[in-house]
């Protein structure tokens, strides 16, 4: 029954438009800003700072706990936020001697953003970008944390860290190095776990 439930959950994820083979998202936001300052150059710099903060909040509020995200943004300098943006583009610029306005689009860096949120204890479910060197794993843990801790211990015994992507109830989506897949499945089988392959995603349950 647990196996059937996990298959249905994976089917629902695919149907919702999330590709499990890549499990990556584009963190892109667009805002229109207008800023007045002592000079046009200063106004432009301030407009970019405002746009960056608004986009970070607008985009990441969909993937993190909002109050914690807001508090983190309030306590992070503009200079420290620059590194969270991978690309930016500007359109509809209007510049006067003291005013700057434009429509600004920014793409956030998945891995950097997730690390920033996690290090600062902001609960989030930002998927990190997939690479060819890792495989995806969907786990149903009937006993919750104790079962998950057992799987992590198995991997840690081989000096491998399980990269937890999302935890929803007793369902966990994670990633492991592709080269470790065979050894990992053998180890969890010996520990009483069952597993199956679903289009490249390793399903694990008891």
C-alpha atoms as a PDB file:
ATOM      1  CA  UNK A   1       0.000   0.000   0.000  1.00  0.00           C
ATOM      2  CA  UNK A   2       2.836   2.405   0.831  1.00  0.00           C
ATOM      3  CA  UNK A   3       4.434   1.612  -2.537  1.00  0.00           C
ATOM      4  CA  UNK A   4       1.178   2.386  -4.363  1.00  0.00           C
ATOM      5  CA  UNK A   5       0.830   5.655  -2.440  1.00  0.00           C
ATOM      6  CA  UNK A   6       4.325   6.795  -3.393  1.00  0.00           C
ATOM      7  CA  UNK A   7       3.650   6.044  -7.065  1.00  0.00           C
ATOM      8  CA  UNK A   8       0.455   8.099  -6.937  1.00  0.00           C
ATOM      9  CA  UNK A   9       2.319  10.982  -5.279  1.00  0.00           C
ATOM     10  CA  UNK A  10       4.985  10.979  -7.971  1.00  0.00           C
ATOM     11  CA  UNK A  11       2.311  10.919 -10.661  1.00  0.00           C
ATOM     12  CA  UNK A  12       0.670  13.951  -9.071  1.00  0.00           C
ATOM     13  CA  UNK A  13       3.965  15.822  -9.029  1.00  0.00           C
ATOM     14  CA  UNK A  14       4.535  15.128 -12.713  1.00  0.00           C
ATOM     15  CA  UNK A  15       0.960  16.125 -13.541  1.00  0.00           C
ATOM     16  CA  UNK A  16       1.448  19.438 -11.755  1.00  0.00           C
ATOM     17  CA  UNK A  17       4.153  20.385 -14.214  1.00  0.00           C
ATOM     18  CA  UNK A  18       7.316  19.666 -12.202  1.00  0.00           C
ATOM     19  CA  UNK A  19       9.813  17.576 -14.154  1.00  0.00           C
ATOM     20  CA  UNK A  20      11.296  15.088 -11.732  1.00  0.00           C
ATOM     21  CA  UNK A  21      14.238  14.300 -14.009  1.00  0.00           C
ATOM     22  CA  UNK A  22      15.454  17.890 -13.656  1.00  0.00           C
ATOM     23  CA  UNK A  23      13.487  19.168 -10.628  1.00  0.00           C
ATOM     24  CA  UNK A  24      14.736  22.707 -11.198  1.00  0.00           C
ATOM     25  CA  UNK A  25      12.841  25.959 -11.307  1.00  0.00           C
ATOM     26  CA  UNK A  26      13.543  29.340 -12.836  1.00  0.00           C
ATOM     27  CA  UNK A  27      13.567  31.980 -10.108  1.00  0.00           C
ATOM     28  CA  UNK A  28      12.716  35.030 -12.210  1.00  0.00           C
ATOM     29  CA  UNK A  29      11.025  38.258 -11.177  1.00  0.00           C
ATOM     30  CA  UNK A  30      10.182  41.559 -12.858  1.00  0.00           C
ATOM     31  CA  UNK A  31       9.360  44.899 -11.224  1.00  0.00           C
ATOM     32  CA  UNK A  32       8.975  48.505 -12.318  1.00  0.00           C
ATOM     33  CA  UNK A  33      10.727  51.014 -10.068  1.00  0.00           C
ATOM     34  CA  UNK A  34      11.147  54.780  -9.908  1.00  0.00           C
ATOM     35  CA  UNK A  35      13.708  56.424  -7.670  1.00  0.00           C
ATOM     36  CA  UNK A  36      14.701  60.032  -6.982  1.00  0.00           C
ATOM     37  CA  UNK A  37      18.045  60.972  -5.441  1.00  0.00           C
ATOM     38  CA  UNK A  38      20.812  63.609  -5.538  1.00  0.00           C
ATOM     39  CA  UNK A  39      21.965  62.501  -8.997  1.00  0.00           C
ATOM     40  CA  UNK A  40      20.666  60.237 -11.741  1.00  0.00           C
ATOM     41  CA  UNK A  41      23.518  57.786 -11.156  1.00  0.00           C
ATOM     42  CA  UNK A  42      22.721  57.534  -7.467  1.00  0.00           C
ATOM     43  CA  UNK A  43      19.023  57.162  -8.242  1.00  0.00           C
ATOM     44  CA  UNK A  44      19.808  54.268 -10.608  1.00  0.00           C
ATOM     45  CA  UNK A  45      21.895  52.459  -7.995  1.00  0.00           C
ATOM     46  CA  UNK A  46      19.147  52.894  -5.414  1.00  0.00           C
ATOM     47  CA  UNK A  47      16.521  51.701  -7.915  1.00  0.00           C
ATOM     48  CA  UNK A  48      18.501  48.521  -8.550  1.00  0.00           C
ATOM     49  CA  UNK A  49      18.732  47.898  -4.797  1.00  0.00           C
ATOM     50  CA  UNK A  50      14.984  48.407  -4.416  1.00  0.00           C
ATOM     51  CA  UNK A  51      14.235  46.142  -7.383  1.00  0.00           C
ATOM     52  CA  UNK A  52      16.518  43.415  -6.051  1.00  0.00           C
ATOM     53  CA  UNK A  53      14.829  43.356  -2.650  1.00  0.00           C
ATOM     54  CA  UNK A  54      11.333  43.393  -4.144  1.00  0.00           C
ATOM     55  CA  UNK A  55      12.138  40.574  -6.568  1.00  0.00           C
ATOM     56  CA  UNK A  56      13.808  38.480  -3.879  1.00  0.00           C
ATOM     57  CA  UNK A  57      10.751  38.805  -1.669  1.00  0.00           C
ATOM     58  CA  UNK A  58       8.181  38.350  -4.453  1.00  0.00           C
ATOM     59  CA  UNK A  59       9.884  35.272  -5.890  1.00  0.00           C
ATOM     60  CA  UNK A  60      11.123  33.561  -2.735  1.00  0.00           C
ATOM     61  CA  UNK A  61       7.896  34.087  -0.792  1.00  0.00           C
ATOM     62  CA  UNK A  62       6.530  31.298  -3.007  1.00  0.00           C
ATOM     63  CA  UNK A  63       9.229  28.919  -1.776  1.00  0.00           C
ATOM     64  CA  UNK A  64       9.910  29.882   1.847  1.00  0.00           C
ATOM     65  CA  UNK A  65       8.346  30.907   5.145  1.00  0.00           C
ATOM     66  CA  UNK A  66       7.316  34.527   4.524  1.00  0.00           C
ATOM     67  CA  UNK A  67       7.884  36.096   7.949  1.00  0.00           C
ATOM     68  CA  UNK A  68      11.353  34.589   8.266  1.00  0.00           C
ATOM     69  CA  UNK A  69      12.212  35.641   4.715  1.00  0.00           C
ATOM     70  CA  UNK A  70      11.086  39.204   5.387  1.00  0.00           C
ATOM     71  CA  UNK A  71      13.153  39.393   8.572  1.00  0.00           C
ATOM     72  CA  UNK A  72      16.213  38.044   6.776  1.00  0.00           C
ATOM     73  CA  UNK A  73      15.894  40.611   3.991  1.00  0.00           C
ATOM     74  CA  UNK A  74      15.573  43.387   6.567  1.00  0.00           C
ATOM     75  CA  UNK A  75      18.832  42.271   8.176  1.00  0.00           C
ATOM     76  CA  UNK A  76      20.869  41.738   4.990  1.00  0.00           C
ATOM     77  CA  UNK A  77      22.779  44.544   3.305  1.00  0.00           C
ATOM     78  CA  UNK A  78      22.272  45.465  -0.339  1.00  0.00           C
ATOM     79  CA  UNK A  79      25.863  44.414  -1.086  1.00  0.00           C
ATOM     80  CA  UNK A  80      25.252  40.931   0.332  1.00  0.00           C
ATOM     81  CA  UNK A  81      22.096  40.520  -1.765  1.00  0.00           C
ATOM     82  CA  UNK A  82      23.920  41.200  -5.040  1.00  0.00           C
ATOM     83  CA  UNK A  83      25.430  37.700  -5.094  1.00  0.00           C
ATOM     84  CA  UNK A  84      21.995  36.065  -5.066  1.00  0.00           C
ATOM     85  CA  UNK A  85      21.230  37.375  -8.567  1.00  0.00           C
ATOM     86  CA  UNK A  86      22.734  35.576 -11.552  1.00  0.00           C
ATOM     87  CA  UNK A  87      21.468  37.880 -14.346  1.00  0.00           C
ATOM     88  CA  UNK A  88      19.612  41.172 -14.672  1.00  0.00           C
ATOM     89  CA  UNK A  89      18.130  43.088 -17.598  1.00  0.00           C
ATOM     90  CA  UNK A  90      16.651  46.582 -17.854  1.00  0.00           C
ATOM     91  CA  UNK A  91      13.991  48.001 -20.191  1.00  0.00           C
ATOM     92  CA  UNK A  92      11.895  51.158 -20.480  1.00  0.00           C
ATOM     93  CA  UNK A  93      14.563  53.312 -18.854  1.00  0.00           C
ATOM     94  CA  UNK A  94      13.727  56.950 -18.151  1.00  0.00           C
ATOM     95  CA  UNK A  95      16.469  59.185 -16.745  1.00  0.00           C
ATOM     96  CA  UNK A  96      16.429  62.800 -15.640  1.00  0.00           C
ATOM     97  CA  UNK A  97      18.901  64.815 -13.577  1.00  0.00           C
ATOM     98  CA  UNK A  98      17.683  63.313 -10.277  1.00  0.00           C
ATOM     99  CA  UNK A  99      15.294  60.523 -11.208  1.00  0.00           C
ATOM    100  CA  UNK A 100      15.631  57.043 -12.633  1.00  0.00           C
ATOM    101  CA  UNK A 101      12.813  54.669 -13.572  1.00  0.00           C
ATOM    102  CA  UNK A 102      12.839  51.341 -15.412  1.00  0.00           C
ATOM    103  CA  UNK A 103      11.420  47.845 -15.655  1.00  0.00           C
ATOM    104  CA  UNK A 104      13.971  45.439 -14.213  1.00  0.00           C
ATOM    105  CA  UNK A 105      14.036  41.658 -14.594  1.00  0.00           C
ATOM    106  CA  UNK A 106      16.326  39.503 -12.456  1.00  0.00           C
ATOM    107  CA  UNK A 107      17.075  35.792 -12.367  1.00  0.00           C
ATOM    108  CA  UNK A 108      18.094  34.412  -8.994  1.00  0.00           C
ATOM    109  CA  UNK A 109      20.705  31.681  -8.607  1.00  0.00           C
ATOM    110  CA  UNK A 110      18.956  28.561  -7.258  1.00  0.00           C
ATOM    111  CA  UNK A 111      21.862  27.032  -5.371  1.00  0.00           C
ATOM    112  CA  UNK A 112      23.097  30.315  -3.874  1.00  0.00           C
ATOM    113  CA  UNK A 113      19.614  31.354  -2.792  1.00  0.00           C
ATOM    114  CA  UNK A 114      18.867  27.987  -1.195  1.00  0.00           C
ATOM    115  CA  UNK A 115      22.170  28.034   0.703  1.00  0.00           C
ATOM    116  CA  UNK A 116      21.497  31.612   1.880  1.00  0.00           C
ATOM    117  CA  UNK A 117      18.034  30.702   3.173  1.00  0.00           C
ATOM    118  CA  UNK A 118      19.154  27.466   4.782  1.00  0.00           C
ATOM    119  CA  UNK A 119      22.221  28.930   6.519  1.00  0.00           C
ATOM    120  CA  UNK A 120      19.983  31.649   7.968  1.00  0.00           C
ATOM    121  CA  UNK A 121      17.411  29.121   9.239  1.00  0.00           C
ATOM    122  CA  UNK A 122      14.633  30.158   6.863  1.00  0.00           C
ATOM    123  CA  UNK A 123      12.407  27.174   6.162  1.00  0.00           C
ATOM    124  CA  UNK A 124      12.301  26.777   2.392  1.00  0.00           C
ATOM    125  CA  UNK A 125      11.616  24.386  -0.446  1.00  0.00           C
ATOM    126  CA  UNK A 126      13.696  25.958  -3.188  1.00  0.00           C
ATOM    127  CA  UNK A 127      14.765  23.069  -5.457  1.00  0.00           C
ATOM    128  CA  UNK A 128      18.418  23.226  -6.378  1.00  0.00           C
ATOM    129  CA  UNK A 129      19.493  22.853  -9.979  1.00  0.00           C
ATOM    130  CA  UNK A 130      19.912  19.291 -11.191  1.00  0.00           C
ATOM    131  CA  UNK A 131      23.252  18.017 -12.407  1.00  0.00           C
ATOM    132  CA  UNK A 132      24.091  14.882 -14.348  1.00  0.00           C
ATOM    133  CA  UNK A 133      26.145  13.599 -11.411  1.00  0.00           C
ATOM    134  CA  UNK A 134      23.206  13.092  -9.053  1.00  0.00           C
ATOM    135  CA  UNK A 135      20.081  10.965  -8.939  1.00  0.00           C
ATOM    136  CA  UNK A 136      16.699  11.767  -7.420  1.00  0.00           C
ATOM    137  CA  UNK A 137      15.175   9.774  -4.573  1.00  0.00           C
ATOM    138  CA  UNK A 138      11.609   9.817  -3.246  1.00  0.00           C
ATOM    139  CA  UNK A 139      11.218   8.305   0.229  1.00  0.00           C
ATOM    140  CA  UNK A 140       8.168   7.419   2.299  1.00  0.00           C
ATOM    141  CA  UNK A 141       9.158   7.211   5.982  1.00  0.00           C
ATOM    142  CA  UNK A 142       6.402   5.565   8.062  1.00  0.00           C
ATOM    143  CA  UNK A 143       8.175   6.414  11.335  1.00  0.00           C
ATOM    144  CA  UNK A 144       9.173   9.913  10.348  1.00  0.00           C
ATOM    145  CA  UNK A 145      12.481  11.307  11.579  1.00  0.00           C
ATOM    146  CA  UNK A 146      13.784   8.006  12.982  1.00  0.00           C
ATOM    147  CA  UNK A 147      13.458   6.311   9.573  1.00  0.00           C
ATOM    148  CA  UNK A 148      15.017   9.278   7.768  1.00  0.00           C
ATOM    149  CA  UNK A 149      17.867   9.324  10.300  1.00  0.00           C
ATOM    150  CA  UNK A 150      18.504   5.650   9.540  1.00  0.00           C
ATOM    151  CA  UNK A 151      18.847   6.322   5.808  1.00  0.00           C
ATOM    152  CA  UNK A 152      21.153   9.269   6.463  1.00  0.00           C
ATOM    153  CA  UNK A 153      23.312   7.090   8.742  1.00  0.00           C
ATOM    154  CA  UNK A 154      23.621   4.494   5.992  1.00  0.00           C
ATOM    155  CA  UNK A 155      24.898   7.135   3.594  1.00  0.00           C
ATOM    156  CA  UNK A 156      27.117   8.763   6.226  1.00  0.00           C
ATOM    157  CA  UNK A 157      28.778   5.407   6.907  1.00  0.00           C
ATOM    158  CA  UNK A 158      30.120   5.715   3.347  1.00  0.00           C
ATOM    159  CA  UNK A 159      30.929   9.404   3.898  1.00  0.00           C
ATOM    160  CA  UNK A 160      28.118  10.494   1.589  1.00  0.00           C
ATOM    161  CA  UNK A 161      25.637  13.249   2.453  1.00  0.00           C
ATOM    162  CA  UNK A 162      22.005  12.988   1.389  1.00  0.00           C
ATOM    163  CA  UNK A 163      20.892  16.315  -0.074  1.00  0.00           C
ATOM    164  CA  UNK A 164      17.364  16.876   1.256  1.00  0.00           C
ATOM    165  CA  UNK A 165      15.252  18.870  -1.204  1.00  0.00           C
ATOM    166  CA  UNK A 166      11.769  18.820   0.330  1.00  0.00           C
ATOM    167  CA  UNK A 167      10.014  17.217   3.320  1.00  0.00           C
ATOM    168  CA  UNK A 168       6.225  17.085   3.332  1.00  0.00           C
ATOM    169  CA  UNK A 169       4.805  14.975   6.137  1.00  0.00           C
ATOM    170  CA  UNK A 170       6.297  11.506   5.796  1.00  0.00           C
ATOM    171  CA  UNK A 171       7.345  12.090   2.172  1.00  0.00           C
ATOM    172  CA  UNK A 172      10.880  13.197   1.382  1.00  0.00           C
ATOM    173  CA  UNK A 173      12.488  14.156  -1.916  1.00  0.00           C
ATOM    174  CA  UNK A 174      16.289  14.063  -1.931  1.00  0.00           C
ATOM    175  CA  UNK A 175      19.351  13.616  -4.110  1.00  0.00           C
ATOM    176  CA  UNK A 176      22.517  11.516  -3.920  1.00  0.00           C
ATOM    177  CA  UNK A 177      25.653  11.158  -6.048  1.00  0.00           C
ATOM    178  CA  UNK A 178      24.950   9.034  -9.114  1.00  0.00           C
ATOM    179  CA  UNK A 179      28.075   6.950  -8.532  1.00  0.00           C
ATOM    180  CA  UNK A 180      26.725   5.927  -5.117  1.00  0.00           C
ATOM    181  CA  UNK A 181      23.368   4.595  -6.319  1.00  0.00           C
ATOM    182  CA  UNK A 182      24.274   0.892  -6.570  1.00  0.00           C
ATOM    183  CA  UNK A 183      26.060   0.798  -3.232  1.00  0.00           C
ATOM    184  CA  UNK A 184      23.280   2.754  -1.539  1.00  0.00           C
ATOM    185  CA  UNK A 185      20.490   0.491  -2.770  1.00  0.00           C
ATOM    186  CA  UNK A 186      22.426  -2.578  -1.632  1.00  0.00           C
ATOM    187  CA  UNK A 187      22.948  -1.052   1.811  1.00  0.00           C
ATOM    188  CA  UNK A 188      19.312  -0.046   2.344  1.00  0.00           C
ATOM    189  CA  UNK A 189      18.116  -3.448   1.117  1.00  0.00           C
ATOM    190  CA  UNK A 190      20.281  -5.083   3.773  1.00  0.00           C
ATOM    191  CA  UNK A 191      18.710  -2.742   6.337  1.00  0.00           C
ATOM    192  CA  UNK A 192      15.181  -3.891   5.438  1.00  0.00           C
ATOM    193  CA  UNK A 193      14.168  -1.121   3.037  1.00  0.00           C
ATOM    194  CA  UNK A 194      12.540  -1.713  -0.348  1.00  0.00           C
ATOM    195  CA  UNK A 195      13.058   0.299  -3.492  1.00  0.00           C
ATOM    196  CA  UNK A 196      12.066   0.584  -7.135  1.00  0.00           C
ATOM    197  CA  UNK A 197      13.021   2.708 -10.124  1.00  0.00           C
ATOM    198  CA  UNK A 198      10.385   5.044 -11.545  1.00  0.00           C
ATOM    199  CA  UNK A 199      11.698   6.713 -14.697  1.00  0.00           C
ATOM    200  CA  UNK A 200      15.064   7.314 -13.086  1.00  0.00           C
ATOM    201  CA  UNK A 201      13.680   8.358  -9.687  1.00  0.00           C
ATOM    202  CA  UNK A 202      14.575   5.921  -6.909  1.00  0.00           C
ATOM    203  CA  UNK A 203      11.508   5.194  -4.764  1.00  0.00           C
ATOM    204  CA  UNK A 204      12.299   3.988  -1.248  1.00  0.00           C
ATOM    205  CA  UNK A 205       9.850   2.679   1.372  1.00  0.00           C
ATOM    206  CA  UNK A 206       9.403   0.125   4.143  1.00  0.00           C
END
